[in-house]
C-alpha atoms as a PDB file:
ATOM      1  CA  MET A   1      42.882  69.983 132.293  1.00  0.00           C
ATOM      2  CA  GLN A   2      39.408  70.797 129.908  1.00  0.00           C
ATOM      3  CA  ILE A   3      36.736  72.981 131.963  1.00  0.00           C
ATOM      4  CA  GLN A   4      33.717  71.634 129.942  1.00  0.00           C
ATOM      5  CA  GLN A   5      31.672  73.587 129.409  1.00  0.00           C
ATOM      6  CA  ALA A   6      28.168  74.651 126.388  1.00  0.00           C
ATOM      7  CA  VAL A   7      25.590  76.797 125.869  1.00  0.00           C
ATOM      8  CA  GLY A   8      22.714  74.988 123.310  1.00  0.00           C
ATOM      9  CA  THR A   9      19.948  75.813 122.230  1.00  0.00           C
ATOM     10  CA  THR A  10      17.152  73.643 120.761  1.00  0.00           C
ATOM     11  CA  LEU A  11      17.276  72.880 117.011  1.00  0.00           C
ATOM     12  CA  THR A  12      14.146  74.778 116.554  1.00  0.00           C
ATOM     13  CA  ARG A  13      15.365  77.852 116.811  1.00  0.00           C
ATOM     14  CA  THR A  14      15.479  80.838 114.204  1.00  0.00           C
ATOM     15  CA  PRO A  15      19.192  81.296 113.110  1.00  0.00           C
ATOM     16  CA  ALA A  16      19.409  84.631 114.112  1.00  0.00           C
ATOM     17  CA  THR A  17      18.978  83.247 118.002  1.00  0.00           C
ATOM     18  CA  VAL A  18      21.466  80.566 116.985  1.00  0.00           C
ATOM     19  CA  GLN A  19      24.171  83.960 115.940  1.00  0.00           C
ATOM     20  CA  PHE A  20      22.982  86.038 118.999  1.00  0.00           C
ATOM     21  CA  LEU A  21      24.482  82.932 121.519  1.00  0.00           C
ATOM     22  CA  THR A  22      28.077  82.770 118.737  1.00  0.00           C
ATOM     23  CA  ASP A  23      28.394  86.133 119.166  1.00  0.00           C
ATOM     24  CA  VAL A  24      27.887  86.110 123.227  1.00  0.00           C
ATOM     25  CA  VAL A  25      30.506  83.387 123.175  1.00  0.00           C
ATOM     26  CA  ASP A  26      32.966  85.243 120.577  1.00  0.00           C
ATOM     27  CA  GLU A  27      32.776  88.684 122.936  1.00  0.00           C
ATOM     28  CA  LEU A  28      33.423  86.704 126.112  1.00  0.00           C
ATOM     29  CA  GLU A  29      35.894  85.174 124.906  1.00  0.00           C
ATOM     30  CA  ALA A  30      38.097  88.530 122.898  1.00  0.00           C
ATOM     31  CA  SER A  31      36.798  90.685 125.958  1.00  0.00           C
ATOM     32  CA  GLY A  32      38.635  88.445 128.475  1.00  0.00           C
ATOM     33  CA  PHE A  33      36.520  87.742 130.512  1.00  0.00           C
ATOM     34  CA  VAL A  34      36.391  84.216 130.028  1.00  0.00           C
ATOM     35  CA  ALA A  35      40.881  84.341 131.357  1.00  0.00           C
ATOM     36  CA  ASP A  36      39.297  86.453 133.699  1.00  0.00           C
ATOM     37  CA  SER A  37      36.931  84.193 135.215  1.00  0.00           C
ATOM     38  CA  LEU A  38      39.233  81.266 134.981  1.00  0.00           C
ATOM     39  CA  THR A  39      42.364  83.615 136.848  1.00  0.00           C
ATOM     40  CA  ARG A  40      39.682  84.290 139.863  1.00  0.00           C
ATOM     41  CA  SER A  41      38.235  79.961 140.397  1.00  0.00           C
ATOM     42  CA  GLY A  42      41.993  79.046 140.206  1.00  0.00           C
ATOM     43  CA  GLN A  43      42.617  77.913 137.530  1.00  0.00           C
ATOM     44  CA  THR A  44      45.314  79.054 134.468  1.00  0.00           C
ATOM     45  CA  ALA A  45      43.916  81.234 131.495  1.00  0.00           C
ATOM     46  CA  ASP A  46      45.470  79.411 128.637  1.00  0.00           C
ATOM     47  CA  LEU A  47      42.547  76.768 129.120  1.00  0.00           C
ATOM     48  CA  VAL A  48      40.434  79.582 127.471  1.00  0.00           C
ATOM     49  CA  ALA A  49      39.166  77.628 123.910  1.00  0.00           C
ATOM     50  CA  PRO A  50      41.818  78.792 120.622  1.00  0.00           C
END
């Protein structure tokens, strides 16, 4: 099973904005937030992208 989610922005955003979004997603994955959210919704935490 795949749960396709994405975070995106326009091409005109500054590199700092793109880095911020990357950092936020990395932190959400590293903190376990994504895995916990999947578990709460009845999915398996192994769906978190490596």
